[in-house]
Amino acid sequence: MSADVFDLVKGNPMPADFPGILRELADRVERGEVGAFVGCYHDGDRYEFLYPSSLNDSLVLASLLQHRTCAKYGVGQP
């Protein structure tokens, strides 16, 4: 049995305008438009998570993020 092994071309995982997206999010927080937030990021060799919201809101938001990510990659699609 043989398998073709090849390197995947790895693009930039961040949107080009990501700093602007974060600035807009911070502005919305300051205006009181954002009531809950869950964040995660990769920092060198570790993953970091931010949960400045209630446990309930954090679980709901994390679950929604997981659902959107799965949908983006077609997981669970017929």
C-alpha atoms as a PDB file:
ATOM      1  CA  MET A   1       0.000   0.000   0.000  1.00  0.00           C
ATOM      2  CA  SER A   2       1.326   3.454  -0.840  1.00  0.00           C
ATOM      3  CA  ALA A   3       0.204   6.897   0.125  1.00  0.00           C
ATOM      4  CA  ASP A   4       0.862  10.229  -1.484  1.00  0.00           C
ATOM      5  CA  VAL A   5       2.308  12.607   1.087  1.00  0.00           C
ATOM      6  CA  PHE A   6       2.518  16.285   0.316  1.00  0.00           C
ATOM      7  CA  ASP A   7       2.797  19.583   2.155  1.00  0.00           C
ATOM      8  CA  LEU A   8      -0.320  21.675   2.382  1.00  0.00           C
ATOM      9  CA  VAL A   9       0.071  25.301   1.426  1.00  0.00           C
ATOM     10  CA  LYS A  10      -0.547  27.188   4.619  1.00  0.00           C
ATOM     11  CA  GLY A  11      -2.134  30.584   4.193  1.00  0.00           C
ATOM     12  CA  ASN A  12      -2.324  33.372   6.700  1.00  0.00           C
ATOM     13  CA  PRO A  13      -4.800  32.202   9.363  1.00  0.00           C
ATOM     14  CA  MET A  14      -5.743  35.762  10.295  1.00  0.00           C
ATOM     15  CA  PRO A  15      -7.866  38.126   8.204  1.00  0.00           C
ATOM     16  CA  ALA A  16      -5.841  41.013   6.802  1.00  0.00           C
ATOM     17  CA  ASP A  17      -8.021  43.510   8.699  1.00  0.00           C
ATOM     18  CA  PHE A  18      -7.963  41.657  12.044  1.00  0.00           C
ATOM     19  CA  PRO A  19      -6.520  44.574  14.088  1.00  0.00           C
ATOM     20  CA  GLY A  20      -9.366  46.733  12.800  1.00  0.00           C
ATOM     21  CA  ILE A  21     -11.889  44.042  13.737  1.00  0.00           C
ATOM     22  CA  LEU A  22     -10.503  44.004  17.298  1.00  0.00           C
ATOM     23  CA  ARG A  23     -10.590  47.807  17.499  1.00  0.00           C
ATOM     24  CA  GLU A  24     -14.227  47.823  16.371  1.00  0.00           C
ATOM     25  CA  LEU A  25     -15.032  45.142  18.963  1.00  0.00           C
ATOM     26  CA  ALA A  26     -13.363  47.242  21.678  1.00  0.00           C
ATOM     27  CA  ASP A  27     -15.362  50.289  20.563  1.00  0.00           C
ATOM     28  CA  ARG A  28     -18.590  48.272  20.742  1.00  0.00           C
ATOM     29  CA  VAL A  29     -17.677  47.074  24.251  1.00  0.00           C
ATOM     30  CA  GLU A  30     -17.066  50.665  25.366  1.00  0.00           C
ATOM     31  CA  ARG A  31     -20.460  51.714  23.928  1.00  0.00           C
ATOM     32  CA  GLY A  32     -22.120  48.909  25.896  1.00  0.00           C
ATOM     33  CA  GLU A  33     -23.242  47.021  22.780  1.00  0.00           C
ATOM     34  CA  VAL A  34     -21.356  43.811  23.681  1.00  0.00           C
ATOM     35  CA  GLY A  35     -22.601  42.039  26.779  1.00  0.00           C
ATOM     36  CA  ALA A  36     -20.551  38.835  26.688  1.00  0.00           C
ATOM     37  CA  PHE A  37     -17.294  37.702  25.131  1.00  0.00           C
ATOM     38  CA  VAL A  38     -15.226  34.529  24.840  1.00  0.00           C
ATOM     39  CA  GLY A  39     -11.852  34.673  23.140  1.00  0.00           C
ATOM     40  CA  CYS A  40      -9.107  32.226  22.337  1.00  0.00           C
ATOM     41  CA  TYR A  41      -5.765  32.688  20.645  1.00  0.00           C
ATOM     42  CA  HIS A  42      -2.523  30.878  19.926  1.00  0.00           C
ATOM     43  CA  ASP A  43       0.532  32.383  21.596  1.00  0.00           C
ATOM     44  CA  GLY A  44       3.733  30.653  20.530  1.00  0.00           C
ATOM     45  CA  ASP A  45       3.389  27.069  21.699  1.00  0.00           C
ATOM     46  CA  ARG A  46       0.228  27.366  23.786  1.00  0.00           C
ATOM     47  CA  TYR A  47      -3.422  28.208  23.444  1.00  0.00           C
ATOM     48  CA  GLU A  48      -4.963  30.907  25.633  1.00  0.00           C
ATOM     49  CA  PHE A  49      -8.635  31.454  26.449  1.00  0.00           C
ATOM     50  CA  LEU A  50     -10.422  34.522  27.813  1.00  0.00           C
ATOM     51  CA  TYR A  51     -13.743  34.157  29.624  1.00  0.00           C
ATOM     52  CA  PRO A  52     -14.683  37.604  30.977  1.00  0.00           C
ATOM     53  CA  SER A  53     -18.357  36.589  30.885  1.00  0.00           C
ATOM     54  CA  SER A  54     -20.500  34.384  33.087  1.00  0.00           C
ATOM     55  CA  LEU A  55     -19.960  30.635  32.900  1.00  0.00           C
ATOM     56  CA  ASN A  56     -23.326  30.221  31.166  1.00  0.00           C
ATOM     57  CA  ASP A  57     -22.559  32.887  28.522  1.00  0.00           C
ATOM     58  CA  SER A  58     -19.065  31.481  28.012  1.00  0.00           C
ATOM     59  CA  LEU A  59     -20.407  27.973  27.367  1.00  0.00           C
ATOM     60  CA  VAL A  60     -23.099  29.239  24.981  1.00  0.00           C
ATOM     61  CA  LEU A  61     -20.659  31.411  23.021  1.00  0.00           C
ATOM     62  CA  ALA A  62     -18.009  28.669  22.867  1.00  0.00           C
ATOM     63  CA  SER A  63     -20.634  26.196  21.627  1.00  0.00           C
ATOM     64  CA  LEU A  64     -21.788  28.630  18.940  1.00  0.00           C
ATOM     65  CA  LEU A  65     -18.187  29.153  17.840  1.00  0.00           C
ATOM     66  CA  GLN A  66     -17.678  25.400  17.595  1.00  0.00           C
ATOM     67  CA  HIS A  67     -20.882  25.060  15.549  1.00  0.00           C
ATOM     68  CA  ARG A  68     -19.847  27.819  13.123  1.00  0.00           C
ATOM     69  CA  THR A  69     -16.374  26.332  12.735  1.00  0.00           C
ATOM     70  CA  CYS A  70     -17.775  22.859  11.995  1.00  0.00           C
ATOM     71  CA  ALA A  71     -20.206  24.361   9.466  1.00  0.00           C
ATOM     72  CA  LYS A  72     -17.354  26.255   7.792  1.00  0.00           C
ATOM     73  CA  TYR A  73     -15.537  22.990   7.127  1.00  0.00           C
ATOM     74  CA  GLY A  74     -18.667  21.020   6.246  1.00  0.00           C
ATOM     75  CA  VAL A  75     -18.577  18.768   9.304  1.00  0.00           C
ATOM     76  CA  GLY A  76     -21.975  17.263   9.926  1.00  0.00           C
ATOM     77  CA  GLN A  77     -23.290  18.332   6.515  1.00  0.00           C
ATOM     78  CA  PRO A  78     -25.166  15.720   4.441  1.00  0.00           C
END
